[in-house]
Amino acid sequence: MPSARGKLTEQLLRGIRQNRAKVVVIDITGVPTIDSTVANHLVKTVEASRLDGRQRLITGLSSEIAQTLVTIGVDLSKMNAVGDLQGGIEEAERLLGYTVSITSEAKAGEIPA
C-alpha cells in the first residue's frame, strides 16, 4: 500500500501544478479511522502542498481521526481544518477573495429563468 499512498500525493501535487491551484481542499469525509502510518502520510501530503506554496484545507475530520493525529503528535493548530466539505469550499472562496452576491435577477430562494 505504500506505493498507492505515494501515488496519491504525486497525483495531488501534479494536479496542483497543472491547474495552478491556489487553494487545496482535501476532504476525508466518510473515512472512519486511520492508523498512524496513514495519518503520517496524510500530514506529509498536506505539508507537501503547503511547501508548494498553496493554501490547504482539510475537511471531514472525524473525532477518531483527530484523536489519532493528536496521539501521533500532530499539532492540529498547524492544519487548517474545516468541519465539512461545504465549509471547506466556502473557506477556499474566502481565501481567494470571492464573494457571493444576490443580484436583482436572482433573489434568495429563486431560480433564475
PDB file of N, CA and C in Angstrom:
ATOM      1  N   MET A   1       0.799  -1.205   0.000  1.00  0.00           N
ATOM      2  CA  MET A   1       0.000   0.000   0.000  1.00  0.00           C
ATOM      3  C   MET A   1       0.844   1.273   0.000  1.00  0.00           C
ATOM      4  N   PRO A   2       2.124   1.242   0.414  1.00  0.00           N
ATOM      5  CA  PRO A   2       2.917   2.474   0.395  1.00  0.00           C
ATOM      6  C   PRO A   2       2.957   3.127  -0.974  1.00  0.00           C
ATOM      7  N   SER A   3       3.008   2.328  -2.048  1.00  0.00           N
ATOM      8  CA  SER A   3       3.077   2.929  -3.377  1.00  0.00           C
ATOM      9  C   SER A   3       1.776   3.640  -3.729  1.00  0.00           C
ATOM     10  N   ALA A   4       0.645   3.138  -3.248  1.00  0.00           N
ATOM     11  CA  ALA A   4      -0.648   3.785  -3.509  1.00  0.00           C
ATOM     12  C   ALA A   4      -0.700   5.142  -2.815  1.00  0.00           C
ATOM     13  N   ARG A   5      -0.191   5.215  -1.577  1.00  0.00           N
ATOM     14  CA  ARG A   5      -0.176   6.496  -0.857  1.00  0.00           C
ATOM     15  C   ARG A   5       0.754   7.484  -1.556  1.00  0.00           C
ATOM     16  N   GLY A   6       1.919   7.013  -1.985  1.00  0.00           N
ATOM     17  CA  GLY A   6       2.851   7.885  -2.697  1.00  0.00           C
ATOM     18  C   GLY A   6       2.269   8.373  -4.010  1.00  0.00           C
ATOM     19  N   LYS A   7       1.548   7.490  -4.690  1.00  0.00           N
ATOM     20  CA  LYS A   7       0.922   7.857  -5.958  1.00  0.00           C
ATOM     21  C   LYS A   7      -0.140   8.932  -5.719  1.00  0.00           C
ATOM     22  N   LEU A   8      -0.890   8.820  -4.632  1.00  0.00           N
ATOM     23  CA  LEU A   8      -1.912   9.820  -4.311  1.00  0.00           C
ATOM     24  C   LEU A   8      -1.280  11.194  -4.115  1.00  0.00           C
ATOM     25  N   THR A   9      -0.199  11.250  -3.346  1.00  0.00           N
ATOM     26  CA  THR A   9       0.489  12.524  -3.118  1.00  0.00           C
ATOM     27  C   THR A   9       1.038  13.074  -4.423  1.00  0.00           C
ATOM     28  N   GLU A  10       1.645  12.211  -5.219  1.00  0.00           N
ATOM     29  CA  GLU A  10       2.201  12.635  -6.504  1.00  0.00           C
ATOM     30  C   GLU A  10       1.109  13.194  -7.413  1.00  0.00           C
ATOM     31  N   GLN A  11      -0.036  12.517  -7.483  1.00  0.00           N
ATOM     32  CA  GLN A  11      -1.145  12.981  -8.321  1.00  0.00           C
ATOM     33  C   GLN A  11      -1.692  14.315  -7.808  1.00  0.00           C
ATOM     34  N   LEU A  12      -1.790  14.455  -6.496  1.00  0.00           N
ATOM     35  CA  LEU A  12      -2.275  15.710  -5.918  1.00  0.00           C
ATOM     36  C   LEU A  12      -1.348  16.862  -6.294  1.00  0.00           C
ATOM     37  N   LEU A  13      -0.059  16.680  -6.093  1.00  0.00           N
ATOM     38  CA  LEU A  13       0.899  17.751  -6.394  1.00  0.00           C
ATOM     39  C   LEU A  13       0.943  18.058  -7.892  1.00  0.00           C
ATOM     40  N   ARG A  14       0.835  17.039  -8.723  1.00  0.00           N
ATOM     41  CA  ARG A  14       0.796  17.258 -10.165  1.00  0.00           C
ATOM     42  C   ARG A  14      -0.462  18.052 -10.538  1.00  0.00           C
ATOM     43  N   GLY A  15      -1.597  17.691  -9.965  1.00  0.00           N
ATOM     44  CA  GLY A  15      -2.841  18.400 -10.232  1.00  0.00           C
ATOM     45  C   GLY A  15      -2.784  19.852  -9.778  1.00  0.00           C
ATOM     46  N   ILE A  16      -2.136  20.088  -8.646  1.00  0.00           N
ATOM     47  CA  ILE A  16      -1.975  21.456  -8.146  1.00  0.00           C
ATOM     48  C   ILE A  16      -1.191  22.287  -9.153  1.00  0.00           C
ATOM     49  N   ARG A  17      -0.089  21.723  -9.642  1.00  0.00           N
ATOM     50  CA  ARG A  17       0.745  22.456 -10.607  1.00  0.00           C
ATOM     51  C   ARG A  17       0.029  22.648 -11.940  1.00  0.00           C
ATOM     52  N   GLN A  18      -0.567  21.590 -12.456  1.00  0.00           N
ATOM     53  CA  GLN A  18      -1.217  21.672 -13.757  1.00  0.00           C
ATOM     54  C   GLN A  18      -2.380  22.663 -13.755  1.00  0.00           C
ATOM     55  N   ASN A  19      -3.126  22.694 -12.660  1.00  0.00           N
ATOM     56  CA  ASN A  19      -4.291  23.577 -12.580  1.00  0.00           C
ATOM     57  C   ASN A  19      -3.982  24.921 -11.945  1.00  0.00           C
ATOM     58  N   ARG A  20      -2.693  25.087 -11.560  1.00  0.00           N
ATOM     59  CA  ARG A  20      -2.245  26.328 -10.928  1.00  0.00           C
ATOM     60  C   ARG A  20      -3.143  26.699  -9.742  1.00  0.00           C
ATOM     61  N   ALA A  21      -3.469  25.689  -8.954  1.00  0.00           N
ATOM     62  CA  ALA A  21      -4.366  25.864  -7.811  1.00  0.00           C
ATOM     63  C   ALA A  21      -3.714  26.749  -6.751  1.00  0.00           C
ATOM     64  N   LYS A  22      -4.497  27.592  -6.172  1.00  0.00           N
ATOM     65  CA  LYS A  22      -4.028  28.439  -5.084  1.00  0.00           C
ATOM     66  C   LYS A  22      -4.477  27.895  -3.738  1.00  0.00           C
ATOM     67  N   VAL A  23      -5.578  27.158  -3.745  1.00  0.00           N
ATOM     68  CA  VAL A  23      -6.111  26.552  -2.530  1.00  0.00           C
ATOM     69  C   VAL A  23      -6.387  25.084  -2.817  1.00  0.00           C
ATOM     70  N   VAL A  24      -6.031  24.229  -1.862  1.00  0.00           N
ATOM     71  CA  VAL A  24      -6.260  22.797  -1.980  1.00  0.00           C
ATOM     72  C   VAL A  24      -7.186  22.373  -0.848  1.00  0.00           C
ATOM     73  N   VAL A  25      -8.280  21.708  -1.196  1.00  0.00           N
ATOM     74  CA  VAL A  25      -9.200  21.174  -0.194  1.00  0.00           C
ATOM     75  C   VAL A  25      -9.061  19.656  -0.236  1.00  0.00           C
ATOM     76  N   ILE A  26      -8.634  19.085   0.874  1.00  0.00           N
ATOM     77  CA  ILE A  26      -8.507  17.627   0.992  1.00  0.00           C
ATOM     78  C   ILE A  26      -9.647  17.170   1.888  1.00  0.00           C
ATOM     79  N   ASP A  27     -10.581  16.434   1.317  1.00  0.00           N
ATOM     80  CA  ASP A  27     -11.773  16.000   2.050  1.00  0.00           C
ATOM     81  C   ASP A  27     -11.669  14.521   2.401  1.00  0.00           C
ATOM     82  N   ILE A  28     -11.755  14.226   3.678  1.00  0.00           N
ATOM     83  CA  ILE A  28     -11.697  12.827   4.110  1.00  0.00           C
ATOM     84  C   ILE A  28     -12.997  12.414   4.805  1.00  0.00           C
ATOM     85  N   THR A  29     -14.075  13.074   4.419  1.00  0.00           N
ATOM     86  CA  THR A  29     -15.390  12.706   4.938  1.00  0.00           C
ATOM     87  C   THR A  29     -15.652  11.237   4.632  1.00  0.00           C
ATOM     88  N   GLY A  30     -16.176  10.519   5.584  1.00  0.00           N
ATOM     89  CA  GLY A  30     -16.512   9.121   5.376  1.00  0.00           C
ATOM     90  C   GLY A  30     -15.395   8.157   5.709  1.00  0.00           C
ATOM     91  N   VAL A  31     -14.215   8.678   6.009  1.00  0.00           N
ATOM     92  CA  VAL A  31     -13.118   7.806   6.436  1.00  0.00           C
ATOM     93  C   VAL A  31     -13.266   7.643   7.945  1.00  0.00           C
ATOM     94  N   PRO A  32     -13.672   6.461   8.403  1.00  0.00           N
ATOM     95  CA  PRO A  32     -13.986   6.302   9.832  1.00  0.00           C
ATOM     96  C   PRO A  32     -12.765   6.332  10.749  1.00  0.00           C
ATOM     97  N   THR A  33     -11.710   5.663  10.359  1.00  0.00           N
ATOM     98  CA  THR A  33     -10.496   5.617  11.180  1.00  0.00           C
ATOM     99  C   THR A  33      -9.282   5.476  10.270  1.00  0.00           C
ATOM    100  N   ILE A  34      -8.131   5.848  10.813  1.00  0.00           N
ATOM    101  CA  ILE A  34      -6.876   5.640  10.102  1.00  0.00           C
ATOM    102  C   ILE A  34      -5.829   5.191  11.112  1.00  0.00           C
ATOM    103  N   ASP A  35      -4.844   4.456  10.629  1.00  0.00           N
ATOM    104  CA  ASP A  35      -3.761   4.065  11.523  1.00  0.00           C
ATOM    105  C   ASP A  35      -2.675   5.132  11.475  1.00  0.00           C
ATOM    106  N   SER A  36      -1.668   4.968  12.305  1.00  0.00           N
ATOM    107  CA  SER A  36      -0.634   6.004  12.403  1.00  0.00           C
ATOM    108  C   SER A  36       0.150   6.165  11.100  1.00  0.00           C
ATOM    109  N   THR A  37       0.329   5.077  10.344  1.00  0.00           N
ATOM    110  CA  THR A  37       1.054   5.174   9.076  1.00  0.00           C
ATOM    111  C   THR A  37       0.293   6.047   8.090  1.00  0.00           C
ATOM    112  N   VAL A  38      -1.010   5.817   7.961  1.00  0.00           N
ATOM    113  CA  VAL A  38      -1.838   6.616   7.051  1.00  0.00           C
ATOM    114  C   VAL A  38      -1.940   8.052   7.565  1.00  0.00           C
ATOM    115  N   ALA A  39      -2.061   8.216   8.879  1.00  0.00           N
ATOM    116  CA  ALA A  39      -2.134   9.561   9.461  1.00  0.00           C
ATOM    117  C   ALA A  39      -0.867  10.350   9.147  1.00  0.00           C
ATOM    118  N   ASN A  40       0.287   9.708   9.309  1.00  0.00           N
ATOM    119  CA  ASN A  40       1.553  10.375   8.986  1.00  0.00           C
ATOM    120  C   ASN A  40       1.611  10.751   7.509  1.00  0.00           C
ATOM    121  N   HIS A  41       1.132   9.871   6.640  1.00  0.00           N
ATOM    122  CA  HIS A  41       1.154  10.170   5.210  1.00  0.00           C
ATOM    123  C   HIS A  41       0.211  11.330   4.890  1.00  0.00           C
ATOM    124  N   LEU A  42      -0.942  11.368   5.534  1.00  0.00           N
ATOM    125  CA  LEU A  42      -1.873  12.473   5.340  1.00  0.00           C
ATOM    126  C   LEU A  42      -1.216  13.792   5.721  1.00  0.00           C
ATOM    127  N   VAL A  43      -0.554  13.809   6.853  1.00  0.00           N
ATOM    128  CA  VAL A  43       0.136  15.018   7.306  1.00  0.00           C
ATOM    129  C   VAL A  43       1.217  15.421   6.301  1.00  0.00           C
ATOM    130  N   LYS A  44       1.987  14.450   5.818  1.00  0.00           N
ATOM    131  CA  LYS A  44       3.041  14.745   4.843  1.00  0.00           C
ATOM    132  C   LYS A  44       2.455  15.279   3.540  1.00  0.00           C
ATOM    133  N   THR A  45       1.313  14.747   3.128  1.00  0.00           N
ATOM    134  CA  THR A  45       0.663  15.217   1.905  1.00  0.00           C
ATOM    135  C   THR A  45       0.202  16.662   2.067  1.00  0.00           C
ATOM    136  N   VAL A  46      -0.420  16.960   3.200  1.00  0.00           N
ATOM    137  CA  VAL A  46      -0.866  18.328   3.479  1.00  0.00           C
ATOM    138  C   VAL A  46       0.339  19.260   3.519  1.00  0.00           C
ATOM    139  N   GLU A  47       1.400  18.828   4.161  1.00  0.00           N
ATOM    140  CA  GLU A  47       2.617  19.650   4.263  1.00  0.00           C
ATOM    141  C   GLU A  47       3.257  19.855   2.886  1.00  0.00           C
ATOM    142  N   ALA A  48       3.251  18.823   2.048  1.00  0.00           N
ATOM    143  CA  ALA A  48       3.832  18.951   0.706  1.00  0.00           C
ATOM    144  C   ALA A  48       3.087  20.006  -0.101  1.00  0.00           C
ATOM    145  N   SER A  49       1.766  20.059   0.034  1.00  0.00           N
ATOM    146  CA  SER A  49       1.014  21.073  -0.703  1.00  0.00           C
ATOM    147  C   SER A  49       1.307  22.468  -0.149  1.00  0.00           C
ATOM    148  N   ARG A  50       1.595  22.569   1.142  1.00  0.00           N
ATOM    149  CA  ARG A  50       1.971  23.858   1.733  1.00  0.00           C
ATOM    150  C   ARG A  50       3.328  24.300   1.209  1.00  0.00           C
ATOM    151  N   LEU A  51       4.265  23.375   1.133  1.00  0.00           N
ATOM    152  CA  LEU A  51       5.607  23.697   0.642  1.00  0.00           C
ATOM    153  C   LEU A  51       5.575  24.102  -0.825  1.00  0.00           C
ATOM    154  N   ASP A  52       4.543  23.648  -1.518  1.00  0.00           N
ATOM    155  CA  ASP A  52       4.379  24.005  -2.921  1.00  0.00           C
ATOM    156  C   ASP A  52       3.732  25.392  -3.042  1.00  0.00           C
ATOM    157  N   GLY A  53       3.550  26.073  -1.900  1.00  0.00           N
ATOM    158  CA  GLY A  53       3.053  27.444  -1.892  1.00  0.00           C
ATOM    159  C   GLY A  53       1.547  27.589  -1.915  1.00  0.00           C
ATOM    160  N   ARG A  54       0.839  26.561  -1.554  1.00  0.00           N
ATOM    161  CA  ARG A  54      -0.610  26.600  -1.623  1.00  0.00           C
ATOM    162  C   ARG A  54      -1.242  26.695  -0.240  1.00  0.00           C
ATOM    163  N   GLN A  55      -2.384  27.368  -0.202  1.00  0.00           N
ATOM    164  CA  GLN A  55      -3.223  27.306   0.991  1.00  0.00           C
ATOM    165  C   GLN A  55      -3.836  25.916   0.991  1.00  0.00           C
ATOM    166  N   ARG A  56      -3.992  25.312   2.150  1.00  0.00           N
ATOM    167  CA  ARG A  56      -4.583  23.994   2.162  1.00  0.00           C
ATOM    168  C   ARG A  56      -5.584  23.886   3.292  1.00  0.00           C
ATOM    169  N   LEU A  57      -6.656  23.173   2.996  1.00  0.00           N
ATOM    170  CA  LEU A  57      -7.725  22.936   3.948  1.00  0.00           C
ATOM    171  C   LEU A  57      -7.971  21.443   4.000  1.00  0.00           C
ATOM    172  N   ILE A  58      -8.229  20.933   5.171  1.00  0.00           N
ATOM    173  CA  ILE A  58      -8.625  19.533   5.293  1.00  0.00           C
ATOM    174  C   ILE A  58     -10.016  19.524   5.898  1.00  0.00           C
ATOM    175  N   THR A  59     -10.900  18.775   5.278  1.00  0.00           N
ATOM    176  CA  THR A  59     -12.283  18.742   5.725  1.00  0.00           C
ATOM    177  C   THR A  59     -12.695  17.315   6.068  1.00  0.00           C
ATOM    178  N   GLY A  60     -13.740  17.219   6.869  1.00  0.00           N
ATOM    179  CA  GLY A  60     -14.305  15.915   7.186  1.00  0.00           C
ATOM    180  C   GLY A  60     -13.547  15.115   8.222  1.00  0.00           C
ATOM    181  N   LEU A  61     -12.758  15.790   9.064  1.00  0.00           N
ATOM    182  CA  LEU A  61     -12.026  15.075  10.114  1.00  0.00           C
ATOM    183  C   LEU A  61     -13.003  14.558  11.166  1.00  0.00           C
ATOM    184  N   SER A  62     -13.072  13.258  11.328  1.00  0.00           N
ATOM    185  CA  SER A  62     -13.894  12.696  12.396  1.00  0.00           C
ATOM    186  C   SER A  62     -13.141  12.851  13.715  1.00  0.00           C
ATOM    187  N   SER A  63     -13.859  12.703  14.808  1.00  0.00           N
ATOM    188  CA  SER A  63     -13.196  12.808  16.117  1.00  0.00           C
ATOM    189  C   SER A  63     -12.157  11.702  16.290  1.00  0.00           C
ATOM    190  N   GLU A  64     -12.411  10.525  15.705  1.00  0.00           N
ATOM    191  CA  GLU A  64     -11.459   9.418  15.803  1.00  0.00           C
ATOM    192  C   GLU A  64     -10.161   9.742  15.064  1.00  0.00           C
ATOM    193  N   ILE A  65     -10.280  10.317  13.885  1.00  0.00           N
ATOM    194  CA  ILE A  65      -9.086  10.670  13.112  1.00  0.00           C
ATOM    195  C   ILE A  65      -8.336  11.801  13.797  1.00  0.00           C
ATOM    196  N   ALA A  66      -9.068  12.784  14.317  1.00  0.00           N
ATOM    197  CA  ALA A  66      -8.421  13.875  15.046  1.00  0.00           C
ATOM    198  C   ALA A  66      -7.650  13.312  16.235  1.00  0.00           C
ATOM    199  N   GLN A  67      -8.233  12.354  16.938  1.00  0.00           N
ATOM    200  CA  GLN A  67      -7.561  11.744  18.085  1.00  0.00           C
ATOM    201  C   GLN A  67      -6.302  11.008  17.648  1.00  0.00           C
ATOM    202  N   THR A  68      -6.354  10.289  16.527  1.00  0.00           N
ATOM    203  CA  THR A  68      -5.171   9.595  16.010  1.00  0.00           C
ATOM    204  C   THR A  68      -4.074  10.601  15.700  1.00  0.00           C
ATOM    205  N   LEU A  69      -4.432  11.711  15.056  1.00  0.00           N
ATOM    206  CA  LEU A  69      -3.437  12.733  14.723  1.00  0.00           C
ATOM    207  C   LEU A  69      -2.799  13.309  15.980  1.00  0.00           C
ATOM    208  N   VAL A  70      -3.601  13.559  16.997  1.00  0.00           N
ATOM    209  CA  VAL A  70      -3.063  14.077  18.258  1.00  0.00           C
ATOM    210  C   VAL A  70      -2.163  13.033  18.917  1.00  0.00           C
ATOM    211  N   THR A  71      -2.580  11.775  18.885  1.00  0.00           N
ATOM    212  CA  THR A  71      -1.811  10.697  19.502  1.00  0.00           C
ATOM    213  C   THR A  71      -0.420  10.565  18.890  1.00  0.00           C
ATOM    214  N   ILE A  72      -0.323  10.769  17.557  1.00  0.00           N
ATOM    215  CA  ILE A  72       0.999  10.642  16.927  1.00  0.00           C
ATOM    216  C   ILE A  72       1.779  11.953  16.989  1.00  0.00           C
ATOM    217  N   GLY A  73       1.201  12.957  17.635  1.00  0.00           N
ATOM    218  CA  GLY A  73       1.941  14.189  17.871  1.00  0.00           C
ATOM    219  C   GLY A  73       1.737  15.295  16.853  1.00  0.00           C
ATOM    220  N   VAL A  74       0.696  15.207  16.039  1.00  0.00           N
ATOM    221  CA  VAL A  74       0.426  16.256  15.060  1.00  0.00           C
ATOM    222  C   VAL A  74      -0.201  17.450  15.775  1.00  0.00           C
ATOM    223  N   ASP A  75       0.348  18.625  15.518  1.00  0.00           N
ATOM    224  CA  ASP A  75      -0.218  19.854  16.065  1.00  0.00           C
ATOM    225  C   ASP A  75      -1.341  20.291  15.135  1.00  0.00           C
ATOM    226  N   LEU A  76      -2.591  20.030  15.543  1.00  0.00           N
ATOM    227  CA  LEU A  76      -3.733  20.328  14.677  1.00  0.00           C
ATOM    228  C   LEU A  76      -3.903  21.815  14.432  1.00  0.00           C
ATOM    229  N   SER A  77      -3.283  22.653  15.264  1.00  0.00           N
ATOM    230  CA  SER A  77      -3.384  24.094  15.024  1.00  0.00           C
ATOM    231  C   SER A  77      -2.623  24.496  13.760  1.00  0.00           C
ATOM    232  N   LYS A  78      -1.722  23.618  13.295  1.00  0.00           N
ATOM    233  CA  LYS A  78      -0.979  23.904  12.069  1.00  0.00           C
ATOM    234  C   LYS A  78      -1.710  23.419  10.826  1.00  0.00           C
ATOM    235  N   MET A  79      -2.811  22.712  11.028  1.00  0.00           N
ATOM    236  CA  MET A  79      -3.622  22.244   9.911  1.00  0.00           C
ATOM    237  C   MET A  79      -4.880  23.099   9.877  1.00  0.00           C
ATOM    238  N   ASN A  80      -5.222  23.605   8.722  1.00  0.00           N
ATOM    239  CA  ASN A  80      -6.434  24.398   8.578  1.00  0.00           C
ATOM    240  C   ASN A  80      -7.578  23.422   8.363  1.00  0.00           C
ATOM    241  N   ALA A  81      -8.217  23.010   9.456  1.00  0.00           N
ATOM    242  CA  ALA A  81      -9.288  22.023   9.385  1.00  0.00           C
ATOM    243  C   ALA A  81     -10.640  22.719   9.413  1.00  0.00           C
ATOM    244  N   VAL A  82     -11.534  22.256   8.549  1.00  0.00           N
ATOM    245  CA  VAL A  82     -12.892  22.764   8.462  1.00  0.00           C
ATOM    246  C   VAL A  82     -13.817  21.566   8.598  1.00  0.00           C
ATOM    247  N   GLY A  83     -14.945  21.757   9.257  1.00  0.00           N
ATOM    248  CA  GLY A  83     -15.837  20.652   9.595  1.00  0.00           C
ATOM    249  C   GLY A  83     -16.297  19.782   8.442  1.00  0.00           C
ATOM    250  N   ASP A  84     -16.779  20.409   7.369  1.00  0.00           N
ATOM    251  CA  ASP A  84     -17.308  19.613   6.268  1.00  0.00           C
ATOM    252  C   ASP A  84     -16.882  20.218   4.927  1.00  0.00           C
ATOM    253  N   LEU A  85     -17.180  19.494   3.854  1.00  0.00           N
ATOM    254  CA  LEU A  85     -16.736  19.925   2.532  1.00  0.00           C
ATOM    255  C   LEU A  85     -17.344  21.268   2.145  1.00  0.00           C
ATOM    256  N   GLN A  86     -18.627  21.476   2.439  1.00  0.00           N
ATOM    257  CA  GLN A  86     -19.256  22.759   2.117  1.00  0.00           C
ATOM    258  C   GLN A  86     -18.524  23.901   2.810  1.00  0.00           C
ATOM    259  N   GLY A  87     -18.207  23.719   4.092  1.00  0.00           N
ATOM    260  CA  GLY A  87     -17.449  24.733   4.821  1.00  0.00           C
ATOM    261  C   GLY A  87     -16.066  24.939   4.228  1.00  0.00           C
ATOM    262  N   GLY A  88     -15.456  23.856   3.754  1.00  0.00           N
ATOM    263  CA  GLY A  88     -14.139  23.953   3.126  1.00  0.00           C
ATOM    264  C   GLY A  88     -14.180  24.744   1.833  1.00  0.00           C
ATOM    265  N   ILE A  89     -15.223  24.523   1.048  1.00  0.00           N
ATOM    266  CA  ILE A  89     -15.366  25.275  -0.199  1.00  0.00           C
ATOM    267  C   ILE A  89     -15.606  26.756   0.107  1.00  0.00           C
ATOM    268  N   GLU A  90     -16.441  27.024   1.097  1.00  0.00           N
ATOM    269  CA  GLU A  90     -16.695  28.419   1.478  1.00  0.00           C
ATOM    270  C   GLU A  90     -15.419  29.090   1.978  1.00  0.00           C
ATOM    271  N   GLU A  91     -14.623  28.367   2.751  1.00  0.00           N
ATOM    272  CA  GLU A  91     -13.361  28.930   3.252  1.00  0.00           C
ATOM    273  C   GLU A  91     -12.381  29.153   2.100  1.00  0.00           C
ATOM    274  N   ALA A  92     -12.340  28.226   1.155  1.00  0.00           N
ATOM    275  CA  ALA A  92     -11.469  28.391  -0.022  1.00  0.00           C
ATOM    276  C   ALA A  92     -11.877  29.633  -0.811  1.00  0.00           C
ATOM    277  N   GLU A  93     -13.166  29.828  -0.981  1.00  0.00           N
ATOM    278  CA  GLU A  93     -13.646  31.028  -1.681  1.00  0.00           C
ATOM    279  C   GLU A  93     -13.228  32.292  -0.932  1.00  0.00           C
ATOM    280  N   ARG A  94     -13.338  32.249   0.398  1.00  0.00           N
ATOM    281  CA  ARG A  94     -12.935  33.400   1.210  1.00  0.00           C
ATOM    282  C   ARG A  94     -11.442  33.676   1.054  1.00  0.00           C
ATOM    283  N   LEU A  95     -10.631  32.616   1.079  1.00  0.00           N
ATOM    284  CA  LEU A  95      -9.187  32.771   0.924  1.00  0.00           C
ATOM    285  C   LEU A  95      -8.822  33.356  -0.436  1.00  0.00           C
ATOM    286  N   LEU A  96      -9.609  33.038  -1.443  1.00  0.00           N
ATOM    287  CA  LEU A  96      -9.374  33.532  -2.795  1.00  0.00           C
ATOM    288  C   LEU A  96      -9.961  34.925  -3.023  1.00  0.00           C
ATOM    289  N   GLY A  97     -10.708  35.410  -2.024  1.00  0.00           N
ATOM    290  CA  GLY A  97     -11.304  36.741  -2.148  1.00  0.00           C
ATOM    291  C   GLY A  97     -12.614  36.759  -2.896  1.00  0.00           C
ATOM    292  N   TYR A  98     -13.222  35.593  -3.089  1.00  0.00           N
ATOM    293  CA  TYR A  98     -14.504  35.538  -3.782  1.00  0.00           C
ATOM    294  C   TYR A  98     -15.615  35.943  -2.831  1.00  0.00           C
ATOM    295  N   THR A  99     -16.617  36.603  -3.364  1.00  0.00           N
ATOM    296  CA  THR A  99     -17.808  36.925  -2.588  1.00  0.00           C
ATOM    297  C   THR A  99     -19.031  36.485  -3.375  1.00  0.00           C
ATOM    298  N   VAL A 100     -20.061  36.183  -2.653  1.00  0.00           N
ATOM    299  CA  VAL A 100     -21.317  35.801  -3.275  1.00  0.00           C
ATOM    300  C   VAL A 100     -22.274  36.956  -3.063  1.00  0.00           C
ATOM    301  N   SER A 101     -22.878  37.410  -4.144  1.00  0.00           N
ATOM    302  CA  SER A 101     -23.855  38.486  -4.018  1.00  0.00           C
ATOM    303  C   SER A 101     -25.120  38.102  -4.770  1.00  0.00           C
ATOM    304  N   ILE A 102     -26.218  38.605  -4.279  1.00  0.00           N
ATOM    305  CA  ILE A 102     -27.503  38.328  -4.896  1.00  0.00           C
ATOM    306  C   ILE A 102     -27.839  39.502  -5.799  1.00  0.00           C
ATOM    307  N   THR A 103     -28.097  39.197  -7.052  1.00  0.00           N
ATOM    308  CA  THR A 103     -28.451  40.246  -7.999  1.00  0.00           C
ATOM    309  C   THR A 103     -29.970  40.383  -8.056  1.00  0.00           C
ATOM    310  N   SER A 104     -30.424  41.419  -8.693  1.00  0.00           N
ATOM    311  CA  SER A 104     -31.865  41.620  -8.808  1.00  0.00           C
ATOM    312  C   SER A 104     -32.509  40.517  -9.641  1.00  0.00           C
ATOM    313  N   GLU A 105     -31.736  39.877 -10.509  1.00  0.00           N
ATOM    314  CA  GLU A 105     -32.261  38.800 -11.341  1.00  0.00           C
ATOM    315  C   GLU A 105     -32.488  37.532 -10.545  1.00  0.00           C
ATOM    316  N   ALA A 106     -31.659  37.284  -9.529  1.00  0.00           N
ATOM    317  CA  ALA A 106     -31.770  36.059  -8.760  1.00  0.00           C
ATOM    318  C   ALA A 106     -31.816  36.388  -7.287  1.00  0.00           C
ATOM    319  N   LYS A 107     -33.006  36.509  -6.736  1.00  0.00           N
ATOM    320  CA  LYS A 107     -33.160  36.795  -5.320  1.00  0.00           C
ATOM    321  C   LYS A 107     -33.076  35.492  -4.549  1.00  0.00           C
ATOM    322  N   ALA A 108     -32.786  35.612  -3.277  1.00  0.00           N
ATOM    323  CA  ALA A 108     -32.636  34.428  -2.429  1.00  0.00           C
ATOM    324  C   ALA A 108     -33.841  33.497  -2.574  1.00  0.00           C
ATOM    325  N   GLY A 109     -33.556  32.239  -2.803  1.00  0.00           N
ATOM    326  CA  GLY A 109     -34.598  31.239  -2.891  1.00  0.00           C
ATOM    327  C   GLY A 109     -35.222  31.098  -4.281  1.00  0.00           C
ATOM    328  N   GLU A 110     -34.881  31.980  -5.194  1.00  0.00           N
ATOM    329  CA  GLU A 110     -35.435  31.909  -6.542  1.00  0.00           C
ATOM    330  C   GLU A 110     -34.423  31.278  -7.495  1.00  0.00           C
ATOM    331  N   ILE A 111     -34.932  30.619  -8.478  1.00  0.00           N
ATOM    332  CA  ILE A 111     -34.099  30.050  -9.530  1.00  0.00           C
ATOM    333  C   ILE A 111     -34.258  30.934 -10.753  1.00  0.00           C
ATOM    334  N   PRO A 112     -33.147  31.468 -11.274  1.00  0.00           N
ATOM    335  CA  PRO A 112     -33.248  32.338 -12.455  1.00  0.00           C
ATOM    336  C   PRO A 112     -33.857  31.612 -13.635  1.00  0.00           C
ATOM    337  N   ALA A 113     -34.629  32.328 -14.434  1.00  0.00           N
ATOM    338  CA  ALA A 113     -35.279  31.732 -15.613  1.00  0.00           C
ATOM    339  C   ALA A 113     -34.294  31.544 -16.734  1.00  0.00           C
TER     340      ALA A 113
END
